[in-house]
Amino acid sequence: MTSSGHQHAVFVGRQQEIAALNSPLDDAMSGRGRLVMMAGEPGIGKTSIAQKIASRARSMGALIFWGWCYEREGAPPYWPWVQPIQSYIAKTTNRRTAPG
């Protein structure tokens, strides 16, 4: 535990998965964009792996966008793609129009 009372998660295993995602990240950072999708049963660590790669990408200067699927009926079309793009547009629009 840290002094603030939060535990730091230790990332154990999944070296093969991380290695498989490092290559597309390196390509993307070199200007050769790729799309990578992870799939699997709930609870197997997809989010943890994505967070690990996102952290590396952020440290390399990449912008990170997060989207998620709505688990029930009624989600708008393309929702996992629309929500992070809308959020980014709102943030950048507010920055440009804010005084100062």
PDB file of N, CA and C in Angstrom:
ATOM      1  N   MET A   1       0.829  -1.184   0.000  1.00  0.00           N
ATOM      2  CA  MET A   1       0.000   0.000   0.000  1.00  0.00           C
ATOM      3  C   MET A   1       0.871   1.244   0.000  1.00  0.00           C
ATOM      4  N   THR A   2       0.352   2.289  -0.597  1.00  0.00           N
ATOM      5  CA  THR A   2       1.056   3.560  -0.574  1.00  0.00           C
ATOM      6  C   THR A   2       0.604   4.352   0.639  1.00  0.00           C
ATOM      7  N   SER A   3       1.235   5.500   0.877  1.00  0.00           N
ATOM      8  CA  SER A   3       0.841   6.328   2.016  1.00  0.00           C
ATOM      9  C   SER A   3      -0.579   6.854   1.874  1.00  0.00           C
ATOM     10  N   SER A   4      -1.088   6.921   0.651  1.00  0.00           N
ATOM     11  CA  SER A   4      -2.460   7.392   0.444  1.00  0.00           C
ATOM     12  C   SER A   4      -3.475   6.279   0.622  1.00  0.00           C
ATOM     13  N   GLY A   5      -3.006   5.065   0.876  1.00  0.00           N
ATOM     14  CA  GLY A   5      -3.925   3.966   1.123  1.00  0.00           C
ATOM     15  C   GLY A   5      -4.306   3.180  -0.109  1.00  0.00           C
ATOM     16  N   HIS A   6      -3.746   3.506  -1.259  1.00  0.00           N
ATOM     17  CA  HIS A   6      -4.066   2.791  -2.494  1.00  0.00           C
ATOM     18  C   HIS A   6      -3.029   1.714  -2.755  1.00  0.00           C
ATOM     19  N   GLN A   7      -3.482   0.584  -3.211  1.00  0.00           N
ATOM     20  CA  GLN A   7      -2.552  -0.464  -3.592  1.00  0.00           C
ATOM     21  C   GLN A   7      -2.154  -0.272  -5.045  1.00  0.00           C
ATOM     22  N   HIS A   8      -0.906  -0.564  -5.345  1.00  0.00           N
ATOM     23  CA  HIS A   8      -0.443  -0.557  -6.732  1.00  0.00           C
ATOM     24  C   HIS A   8      -0.625  -1.954  -7.280  1.00  0.00           C
ATOM     25  N   ALA A   9      -1.327  -2.059  -8.377  1.00  0.00           N
ATOM     26  CA  ALA A   9      -1.533  -3.372  -8.987  1.00  0.00           C
ATOM     27  C   ALA A   9      -0.230  -3.850  -9.608  1.00  0.00           C
ATOM     28  N   VAL A  10       0.096  -5.069  -9.368  1.00  0.00           N
ATOM     29  CA  VAL A  10       1.278  -5.674  -9.966  1.00  0.00           C
ATOM     30  C   VAL A  10       0.818  -6.429 -11.199  1.00  0.00           C
ATOM     31  N   PHE A  11       1.437  -6.152 -12.327  1.00  0.00           N
ATOM     32  CA  PHE A  11       1.057  -6.780 -13.582  1.00  0.00           C
ATOM     33  C   PHE A  11       1.887  -8.045 -13.753  1.00  0.00           C
ATOM     34  N   VAL A  12       1.248  -9.180 -13.636  1.00  0.00           N
ATOM     35  CA  VAL A  12       1.943 -10.463 -13.672  1.00  0.00           C
ATOM     36  C   VAL A  12       1.513 -11.236 -14.913  1.00  0.00           C
ATOM     37  N   GLY A  13       2.472 -11.817 -15.602  1.00  0.00           N
ATOM     38  CA  GLY A  13       2.162 -12.620 -16.781  1.00  0.00           C
ATOM     39  C   GLY A  13       1.759 -11.754 -17.962  1.00  0.00           C
ATOM     40  N   ARG A  14       1.211 -12.389 -18.952  1.00  0.00           N
ATOM     41  CA  ARG A  14       0.718 -11.724 -20.168  1.00  0.00           C
ATOM     42  C   ARG A  14       1.826 -11.100 -20.998  1.00  0.00           C
ATOM     43  N   GLN A  15       3.069 -11.556 -20.813  1.00  0.00           N
ATOM     44  CA  GLN A  15       4.167 -11.013 -21.609  1.00  0.00           C
ATOM     45  C   GLN A  15       3.946 -11.255 -23.095  1.00  0.00           C
ATOM     46  N   GLN A  16       3.379 -12.396 -23.433  1.00  0.00           N
ATOM     47  CA  GLN A  16       3.131 -12.702 -24.850  1.00  0.00           C
ATOM     48  C   GLN A  16       2.124 -11.725 -25.439  1.00  0.00           C
ATOM     49  N   GLU A  17       1.068 -11.432 -24.703  1.00  0.00           N
ATOM     50  CA  GLU A  17       0.048 -10.500 -25.192  1.00  0.00           C
ATOM     51  C   GLU A  17       0.613  -9.090 -25.308  1.00  0.00           C
ATOM     52  N   ILE A  18       1.380  -8.673 -24.309  1.00  0.00           N
ATOM     53  CA  ILE A  18       1.988  -7.344 -24.342  1.00  0.00           C
ATOM     54  C   ILE A  18       2.948  -7.234 -25.526  1.00  0.00           C
ATOM     55  N   ALA A  19       3.753  -8.253 -25.738  1.00  0.00           N
ATOM     56  CA  ALA A  19       4.684  -8.247 -26.874  1.00  0.00           C
ATOM     57  C   ALA A  19       3.931  -8.159 -28.194  1.00  0.00           C
ATOM     58  N   ALA A  20       2.812  -8.866 -28.291  1.00  0.00           N
ATOM     59  CA  ALA A  20       2.018  -8.835 -29.525  1.00  0.00           C
ATOM     60  C   ALA A  20       1.413  -7.455 -29.768  1.00  0.00           C
ATOM     61  N   LEU A  21       1.166  -6.685 -28.712  1.00  0.00           N
ATOM     62  CA  LEU A  21       0.592  -5.348 -28.861  1.00  0.00           C
ATOM     63  C   LEU A  21       1.661  -4.265 -28.990  1.00  0.00           C
ATOM     64  N   ASN A  22       2.869  -4.533 -28.538  1.00  0.00           N
ATOM     65  CA  ASN A  22       3.931  -3.539 -28.662  1.00  0.00           C
ATOM     66  C   ASN A  22       4.290  -3.276 -30.118  1.00  0.00           C
ATOM     67  N   SER A  23       4.262  -4.294 -30.953  1.00  0.00           N
ATOM     68  CA  SER A  23       4.600  -4.127 -32.362  1.00  0.00           C
ATOM     69  C   SER A  23       3.618  -3.185 -33.079  1.00  0.00           C
ATOM     70  N   PRO A  24       2.304  -3.390 -32.950  1.00  0.00           N
ATOM     71  CA  PRO A  24       1.382  -2.440 -33.579  1.00  0.00           C
ATOM     72  C   PRO A  24       1.509  -1.026 -33.005  1.00  0.00           C
ATOM     73  N   LEU A  25       1.805  -0.921 -31.716  1.00  0.00           N
ATOM     74  CA  LEU A  25       2.003   0.405 -31.120  1.00  0.00           C
ATOM     75  C   LEU A  25       3.222   1.080 -31.737  1.00  0.00           C
ATOM     76  N   ASP A  26       4.307   0.355 -31.840  1.00  0.00           N
ATOM     77  CA  ASP A  26       5.508   0.920 -32.456  1.00  0.00           C
ATOM     78  C   ASP A  26       5.240   1.341 -33.898  1.00  0.00           C
ATOM     79  N   ASP A  27       4.499   0.522 -34.636  1.00  0.00           N
ATOM     80  CA  ASP A  27       4.137   0.880 -36.014  1.00  0.00           C
ATOM     81  C   ASP A  27       3.311   2.166 -36.037  1.00  0.00           C
ATOM     82  N   ALA A  28       2.330   2.247 -35.158  1.00  0.00           N
ATOM     83  CA  ALA A  28       1.467   3.435 -35.121  1.00  0.00           C
ATOM     84  C   ALA A  28       2.273   4.684 -34.776  1.00  0.00           C
ATOM     85  N   MET A  29       3.189   4.569 -33.851  1.00  0.00           N
ATOM     86  CA  MET A  29       4.008   5.719 -33.468  1.00  0.00           C
ATOM     87  C   MET A  29       4.967   6.124 -34.580  1.00  0.00           C
ATOM     88  N   SER A  30       5.208   5.205 -35.520  1.00  0.00           N
ATOM     89  CA  SER A  30       6.062   5.499 -36.676  1.00  0.00           C
ATOM     90  C   SER A  30       5.256   5.990 -37.871  1.00  0.00           C
ATOM     91  N   GLY A  31       3.946   6.161 -37.690  1.00  0.00           N
ATOM     92  CA  GLY A  31       3.106   6.656 -38.773  1.00  0.00           C
ATOM     93  C   GLY A  31       2.429   5.576 -39.590  1.00  0.00           C
ATOM     94  N   ARG A  32       2.556   4.338 -39.182  1.00  0.00           N
ATOM     95  CA  ARG A  32       1.902   3.225 -39.863  1.00  0.00           C
ATOM     96  C   ARG A  32       0.785   2.702 -38.969  1.00  0.00           C
ATOM     97  N   GLY A  33      -0.348   3.402 -39.014  1.00  0.00           N
ATOM     98  CA  GLY A  33      -1.462   3.092 -38.127  1.00  0.00           C
ATOM     99  C   GLY A  33      -2.010   1.688 -38.294  1.00  0.00           C
ATOM    100  N   ARG A  34      -2.533   1.159 -37.225  1.00  0.00           N
ATOM    101  CA  ARG A  34      -3.119  -0.178 -37.221  1.00  0.00           C
ATOM    102  C   ARG A  34      -4.308  -0.162 -36.282  1.00  0.00           C
ATOM    103  N   LEU A  35      -5.168  -1.109 -36.449  1.00  0.00           N
ATOM    104  CA  LEU A  35      -6.288  -1.316 -35.551  1.00  0.00           C
ATOM    105  C   LEU A  35      -6.104  -2.680 -34.917  1.00  0.00           C
ATOM    106  N   VAL A  36      -6.174  -2.722 -33.605  1.00  0.00           N
ATOM    107  CA  VAL A  36      -6.039  -3.967 -32.868  1.00  0.00           C
ATOM    108  C   VAL A  36      -7.267  -4.097 -31.988  1.00  0.00           C
ATOM    109  N   MET A  37      -7.857  -5.263 -31.999  1.00  0.00           N
ATOM    110  CA  MET A  37      -9.027  -5.511 -31.155  1.00  0.00           C
ATOM    111  C   MET A  37      -8.749  -6.712 -30.268  1.00  0.00           C
ATOM    112  N   MET A  38      -9.157  -6.596 -29.014  1.00  0.00           N
ATOM    113  CA  MET A  38      -9.024  -7.718 -28.085  1.00  0.00           C
ATOM    114  C   MET A  38     -10.415  -8.249 -27.792  1.00  0.00           C
ATOM    115  N   ALA A  39     -10.490  -9.549 -27.661  1.00  0.00           N
ATOM    116  CA  ALA A  39     -11.770 -10.187 -27.350  1.00  0.00           C
ATOM    117  C   ALA A  39     -11.513 -11.322 -26.371  1.00  0.00           C
ATOM    118  N   GLY A  40     -12.507 -11.633 -25.599  1.00  0.00           N
ATOM    119  CA  GLY A  40     -12.369 -12.740 -24.663  1.00  0.00           C
ATOM    120  C   GLY A  40     -13.435 -12.688 -23.594  1.00  0.00           C
ATOM    121  N   GLU A  41     -13.437 -13.707 -22.799  1.00  0.00           N
ATOM    122  CA  GLU A  41     -14.412 -13.811 -21.715  1.00  0.00           C
ATOM    123  C   GLU A  41     -14.204 -12.688 -20.701  1.00  0.00           C
ATOM    124  N   PRO A  42     -15.280 -12.291 -20.017  1.00  0.00           N
ATOM    125  CA  PRO A  42     -15.147 -11.278 -18.970  1.00  0.00           C
ATOM    126  C   PRO A  42     -14.177 -11.742 -17.880  1.00  0.00           C
ATOM    127  N   GLY A  43     -13.363 -10.820 -17.418  1.00  0.00           N
ATOM    128  CA  GLY A  43     -12.497 -11.096 -16.289  1.00  0.00           C
ATOM    129  C   GLY A  43     -11.146 -11.707 -16.600  1.00  0.00           C
ATOM    130  N   ILE A  44     -10.800 -11.838 -17.886  1.00  0.00           N
ATOM    131  CA  ILE A  44      -9.520 -12.486 -18.197  1.00  0.00           C
ATOM    132  C   ILE A  44      -8.354 -11.499 -18.312  1.00  0.00           C
ATOM    133  N   GLY A  45      -8.636 -10.210 -18.170  1.00  0.00           N
ATOM    134  CA  GLY A  45      -7.558  -9.226 -18.154  1.00  0.00           C
ATOM    135  C   GLY A  45      -7.437  -8.333 -19.368  1.00  0.00           C
ATOM    136  N   LYS A  46      -8.458  -8.267 -20.199  1.00  0.00           N
ATOM    137  CA  LYS A  46      -8.379  -7.420 -21.401  1.00  0.00           C
ATOM    138  C   LYS A  46      -8.161  -5.956 -21.036  1.00  0.00           C
ATOM    139  N   THR A  47      -8.903  -5.465 -20.060  1.00  0.00           N
ATOM    140  CA  THR A  47      -8.769  -4.058 -19.661  1.00  0.00           C
ATOM    141  C   THR A  47      -7.392  -3.785 -19.096  1.00  0.00           C
ATOM    142  N   SER A  48      -6.871  -4.677 -18.274  1.00  0.00           N
ATOM    143  CA  SER A  48      -5.535  -4.484 -17.699  1.00  0.00           C
ATOM    144  C   SER A  48      -4.471  -4.435 -18.786  1.00  0.00           C
ATOM    145  N   ILE A  49      -4.588  -5.300 -19.766  1.00  0.00           N
ATOM    146  CA  ILE A  49      -3.627  -5.303 -20.874  1.00  0.00           C
ATOM    147  C   ILE A  49      -3.747  -4.002 -21.666  1.00  0.00           C
ATOM    148  N   ALA A  50      -4.977  -3.577 -21.947  1.00  0.00           N
ATOM    149  CA  ALA A  50      -5.192  -2.328 -22.692  1.00  0.00           C
ATOM    150  C   ALA A  50      -4.632  -1.136 -21.916  1.00  0.00           C
ATOM    151  N   GLN A  51      -4.826  -1.119 -20.601  1.00  0.00           N
ATOM    152  CA  GLN A  51      -4.300  -0.027 -19.789  1.00  0.00           C
ATOM    153  C   GLN A  51      -2.773  -0.015 -19.799  1.00  0.00           C
ATOM    154  N   LYS A  52      -2.176  -1.175 -19.774  1.00  0.00           N
ATOM    155  CA  LYS A  52      -0.706  -1.283 -19.805  1.00  0.00           C
ATOM    156  C   LYS A  52      -0.166  -0.724 -21.128  1.00  0.00           C
ATOM    157  N   ILE A  53      -0.775  -1.119 -22.231  1.00  0.00           N
ATOM    158  CA  ILE A  53      -0.338  -0.618 -23.542  1.00  0.00           C
ATOM    159  C   ILE A  53      -0.640   0.873 -23.671  1.00  0.00           C
ATOM    160  N   ALA A  54      -1.786   1.316 -23.180  1.00  0.00           N
ATOM    161  CA  ALA A  54      -2.137   2.732 -23.237  1.00  0.00           C
ATOM    162  C   ALA A  54      -1.141   3.568 -22.442  1.00  0.00           C
ATOM    163  N   SER A  55      -0.703   3.058 -21.317  1.00  0.00           N
ATOM    164  CA  SER A  55       0.285   3.765 -20.507  1.00  0.00           C
ATOM    165  C   SER A  55       1.599   3.927 -21.284  1.00  0.00           C
ATOM    166  N   ARG A  56       2.012   2.861 -21.957  1.00  0.00           N
ATOM    167  CA  ARG A  56       3.233   2.942 -22.773  1.00  0.00           C
ATOM    168  C   ARG A  56       3.042   3.938 -23.910  1.00  0.00           C
ATOM    169  N   ALA A  57       1.894   3.882 -24.555  1.00  0.00           N
ATOM    170  CA  ALA A  57       1.617   4.792 -25.670  1.00  0.00           C
ATOM    171  C   ALA A  57       1.617   6.243 -25.188  1.00  0.00           C
ATOM    172  N   ARG A  58       0.987   6.491 -24.052  1.00  0.00           N
ATOM    173  CA  ARG A  58       0.943   7.842 -23.488  1.00  0.00           C
ATOM    174  C   ARG A  58       2.365   8.343 -23.198  1.00  0.00           C
ATOM    175  N   SER A  59       3.201   7.462 -22.666  1.00  0.00           N
ATOM    176  CA  SER A  59       4.588   7.860 -22.356  1.00  0.00           C
ATOM    177  C   SER A  59       5.372   8.175 -23.631  1.00  0.00           C
ATOM    178  N   MET A  60       4.900   7.677 -24.762  1.00  0.00           N
ATOM    179  CA  MET A  60       5.537   7.941 -26.049  1.00  0.00           C
ATOM    180  C   MET A  60       4.933   9.159 -26.746  1.00  0.00           C
ATOM    181  N   GLY A  61       3.948   9.804 -26.091  1.00  0.00           N
ATOM    182  CA  GLY A  61       3.342  11.014 -26.641  1.00  0.00           C
ATOM    183  C   GLY A  61       2.037  10.816 -27.384  1.00  0.00           C
ATOM    184  N   ALA A  62       1.476   9.630 -27.329  1.00  0.00           N
ATOM    185  CA  ALA A  62       0.222   9.363 -28.040  1.00  0.00           C
ATOM    186  C   ALA A  62      -0.978   9.897 -27.257  1.00  0.00           C
ATOM    187  N   LEU A  63      -2.000  10.300 -27.984  1.00  0.00           N
ATOM    188  CA  LEU A  63      -3.290  10.608 -27.375  1.00  0.00           C
ATOM    189  C   LEU A  63      -4.033   9.294 -27.182  1.00  0.00           C
ATOM    190  N   ILE A  64      -4.654   9.131 -26.053  1.00  0.00           N
ATOM    191  CA  ILE A  64      -5.357   7.893 -25.738  1.00  0.00           C
ATOM    192  C   ILE A  64      -6.852   8.170 -25.699  1.00  0.00           C
ATOM    193  N   PHE A  65      -7.609   7.370 -26.434  1.00  0.00           N
ATOM    194  CA  PHE A  65      -9.060   7.473 -26.453  1.00  0.00           C
ATOM    195  C   PHE A  65      -9.633   6.179 -25.896  1.00  0.00           C
ATOM    196  N   TRP A  66     -10.583   6.279 -24.963  1.00  0.00           N
ATOM    197  CA  TRP A  66     -11.226   5.096 -24.389  1.00  0.00           C
ATOM    198  C   TRP A  66     -12.692   5.088 -24.783  1.00  0.00           C
ATOM    199  N   GLY A  67     -13.154   3.963 -25.251  1.00  0.00           N
ATOM    200  CA  GLY A  67     -14.569   3.747 -25.530  1.00  0.00           C
ATOM    201  C   GLY A  67     -14.946   2.388 -24.996  1.00  0.00           C
ATOM    202  N   TRP A  68     -16.204   2.184 -24.778  1.00  0.00           N
ATOM    203  CA  TRP A  68     -16.662   0.895 -24.258  1.00  0.00           C
ATOM    204  C   TRP A  68     -18.026   0.577 -24.819  1.00  0.00           C
ATOM    205  N   CYS A  69     -18.346  -0.670 -24.780  1.00  0.00           N
ATOM    206  CA  CYS A  69     -19.627  -1.141 -25.295  1.00  0.00           C
ATOM    207  C   CYS A  69     -20.679  -1.094 -24.199  1.00  0.00           C
ATOM    208  N   TYR A  70     -21.831  -0.684 -24.574  1.00  0.00           N
ATOM    209  CA  TYR A  70     -22.982  -0.696 -23.672  1.00  0.00           C
ATOM    210  C   TYR A  70     -23.494  -2.127 -23.653  1.00  0.00           C
ATOM    211  N   GLU A  71     -23.618  -2.694 -22.485  1.00  0.00           N
ATOM    212  CA  GLU A  71     -23.914  -4.119 -22.355  1.00  0.00           C
ATOM    213  C   GLU A  71     -25.389  -4.479 -22.518  1.00  0.00           C
ATOM    214  N   ARG A  72     -26.239  -3.497 -22.696  1.00  0.00           N
ATOM    215  CA  ARG A  72     -27.669  -3.775 -22.841  1.00  0.00           C
ATOM    216  C   ARG A  72     -28.156  -3.284 -24.195  1.00  0.00           C
ATOM    217  N   GLU A  73     -29.388  -3.594 -24.493  1.00  0.00           N
ATOM    218  CA  GLU A  73     -29.968  -3.137 -25.755  1.00  0.00           C
ATOM    219  C   GLU A  73     -30.133  -1.627 -25.741  1.00  0.00           C
ATOM    220  N   GLY A  74     -30.133  -1.045 -26.931  1.00  0.00           N
ATOM    221  CA  GLY A  74     -30.405   0.375 -27.063  1.00  0.00           C
ATOM    222  C   GLY A  74     -29.183   1.259 -27.218  1.00  0.00           C
ATOM    223  N   ALA A  75     -28.019   0.687 -27.324  1.00  0.00           N
ATOM    224  CA  ALA A  75     -26.821   1.513 -27.522  1.00  0.00           C
ATOM    225  C   ALA A  75     -26.862   2.129 -28.915  1.00  0.00           C
ATOM    226  N   PRO A  76     -26.464   3.383 -29.015  1.00  0.00           N
ATOM    227  CA  PRO A  76     -26.420   4.013 -30.342  1.00  0.00           C
ATOM    228  C   PRO A  76     -25.410   3.302 -31.236  1.00  0.00           C
ATOM    229  N   PRO A  77     -25.619   3.380 -32.549  1.00  0.00           N
ATOM    230  CA  PRO A  77     -24.663   2.763 -33.471  1.00  0.00           C
ATOM    231  C   PRO A  77     -23.246   3.320 -33.275  1.00  0.00           C
ATOM    232  N   TYR A  78     -22.276   2.462 -33.357  1.00  0.00           N
ATOM    233  CA  TYR A  78     -20.866   2.838 -33.267  1.00  0.00           C
ATOM    234  C   TYR A  78     -20.492   3.507 -31.934  1.00  0.00           C
ATOM    235  N   TRP A  79     -21.240   3.249 -30.882  1.00  0.00           N
ATOM    236  CA  TRP A  79     -21.041   3.916 -29.603  1.00  0.00           C
ATOM    237  C   TRP A  79     -19.599   3.829 -29.072  1.00  0.00           C
ATOM    238  N   PRO A  80     -18.919   2.677 -29.152  1.00  0.00           N
ATOM    239  CA  PRO A  80     -17.539   2.646 -28.644  1.00  0.00           C
ATOM    240  C   PRO A  80     -16.602   3.595 -29.377  1.00  0.00           C
ATOM    241  N   TRP A  81     -16.942   3.973 -30.591  1.00  0.00           N
ATOM    242  CA  TRP A  81     -16.118   4.892 -31.375  1.00  0.00           C
ATOM    243  C   TRP A  81     -16.590   6.330 -31.201  1.00  0.00           C
ATOM    244  N   VAL A  82     -17.889   6.516 -31.126  1.00  0.00           N
ATOM    245  CA  VAL A  82     -18.463   7.863 -31.059  1.00  0.00           C
ATOM    246  C   VAL A  82     -18.117   8.554 -29.748  1.00  0.00           C
ATOM    247  N   GLN A  83     -18.248   7.845 -28.626  1.00  0.00           N
ATOM    248  CA  GLN A  83     -18.073   8.511 -27.338  1.00  0.00           C
ATOM    249  C   GLN A  83     -16.672   9.105 -27.132  1.00  0.00           C
ATOM    250  N   PRO A  84     -15.588   8.414 -27.436  1.00  0.00           N
ATOM    251  CA  PRO A  84     -14.294   9.074 -27.212  1.00  0.00           C
ATOM    252  C   PRO A  84     -14.046  10.218 -28.195  1.00  0.00           C
ATOM    253  N   ILE A  85     -14.556  10.101 -29.409  1.00  0.00           N
ATOM    254  CA  ILE A  85     -14.373  11.179 -30.383  1.00  0.00           C
ATOM    255  C   ILE A  85     -15.154  12.412 -29.947  1.00  0.00           C
ATOM    256  N   GLN A  86     -16.393  12.231 -29.487  1.00  0.00           N
ATOM    257  CA  GLN A  86     -17.186  13.360 -28.999  1.00  0.00           C
ATOM    258  C   GLN A  86     -16.513  14.026 -27.799  1.00  0.00           C
ATOM    259  N   SER A  87     -15.990  13.218 -26.904  1.00  0.00           N
ATOM    260  CA  SER A  87     -15.307  13.756 -25.728  1.00  0.00           C
ATOM    261  C   SER A  87     -14.083  14.575 -26.129  1.00  0.00           C
ATOM    262  N   TYR A  88     -13.310  14.062 -27.063  1.00  0.00           N
ATOM    263  CA  TYR A  88     -12.121  14.776 -27.534  1.00  0.00           C
ATOM    264  C   TYR A  88     -12.506  16.102 -28.191  1.00  0.00           C
ATOM    265  N   ILE A  89     -13.520  16.080 -29.024  1.00  0.00           N
ATOM    266  CA  ILE A  89     -13.963  17.306 -29.697  1.00  0.00           C
ATOM    267  C   ILE A  89     -14.427  18.333 -28.667  1.00  0.00           C
ATOM    268  N   ALA A  90     -15.195  17.882 -27.683  1.00  0.00           N
ATOM    269  CA  ALA A  90     -15.677  18.801 -26.649  1.00  0.00           C
ATOM    270  C   ALA A  90     -14.516  19.427 -25.875  1.00  0.00           C
ATOM    271  N   LYS A  91     -13.532  18.621 -25.529  1.00  0.00           N
ATOM    272  CA  LYS A  91     -12.383  19.146 -24.777  1.00  0.00           C
ATOM    273  C   LYS A  91     -11.565  20.121 -25.599  1.00  0.00           C
ATOM    274  N   THR A  92     -11.312  19.794 -26.859  1.00  0.00           N
ATOM    275  CA  THR A  92     -10.483  20.680 -27.676  1.00  0.00           C
ATOM    276  C   THR A  92     -11.243  21.940 -28.057  1.00  0.00           C
ATOM    277  N   THR A  93     -12.541  21.847 -28.247  1.00  0.00           N
ATOM    278  CA  THR A  93     -13.358  23.020 -28.564  1.00  0.00           C
ATOM    279  C   THR A  93     -13.377  23.951 -27.353  1.00  0.00           C
ATOM    280  N   ASN A  94     -13.534  23.408 -26.163  1.00  0.00           N
ATOM    281  CA  ASN A  94     -13.553  24.230 -24.953  1.00  0.00           C
ATOM    282  C   ASN A  94     -12.223  24.924 -24.726  1.00  0.00           C
ATOM    283  N   ARG A  95     -11.121  24.259 -25.046  1.00  0.00           N
ATOM    284  CA  ARG A  95      -9.799  24.862 -24.886  1.00  0.00           C
ATOM    285  C   ARG A  95      -9.622  26.048 -25.828  1.00  0.00           C
ATOM    286  N   ARG A  96     -10.106  25.894 -27.066  1.00  0.00           N
ATOM    287  CA  ARG A  96      -9.915  26.958 -28.042  1.00  0.00           C
ATOM    288  C   ARG A  96     -10.794  28.160 -27.747  1.00  0.00           C
ATOM    289  N   THR A  97     -11.966  27.930 -27.164  1.00  0.00           N
ATOM    290  CA  THR A  97     -12.898  29.042 -26.931  1.00  0.00           C
ATOM    291  C   THR A  97     -12.744  29.642 -25.550  1.00  0.00           C
ATOM    292  N   ALA A  98     -12.016  28.988 -24.653  1.00  0.00           N
ATOM    293  CA  ALA A  98     -11.845  29.500 -23.298  1.00  0.00           C
ATOM    294  C   ALA A  98     -10.895  30.690 -23.317  1.00  0.00           C
ATOM    295  N   PRO A  99     -11.251  31.757 -22.574  1.00  0.00           N
ATOM    296  CA  PRO A  99     -10.353  32.917 -22.525  1.00  0.00           C
ATOM    297  C   PRO A  99      -9.062  32.570 -21.817  1.00  0.00           C
ATOM    298  N   GLY A 100      -8.018  33.265 -22.195  1.00  0.00           N
ATOM    299  CA  GLY A 100      -6.767  33.059 -21.489  1.00  0.00           C
ATOM    300  C   GLY A 100      -5.730  32.562 -22.357  1.00  0.00           C
TER     301      GLY A 100
END
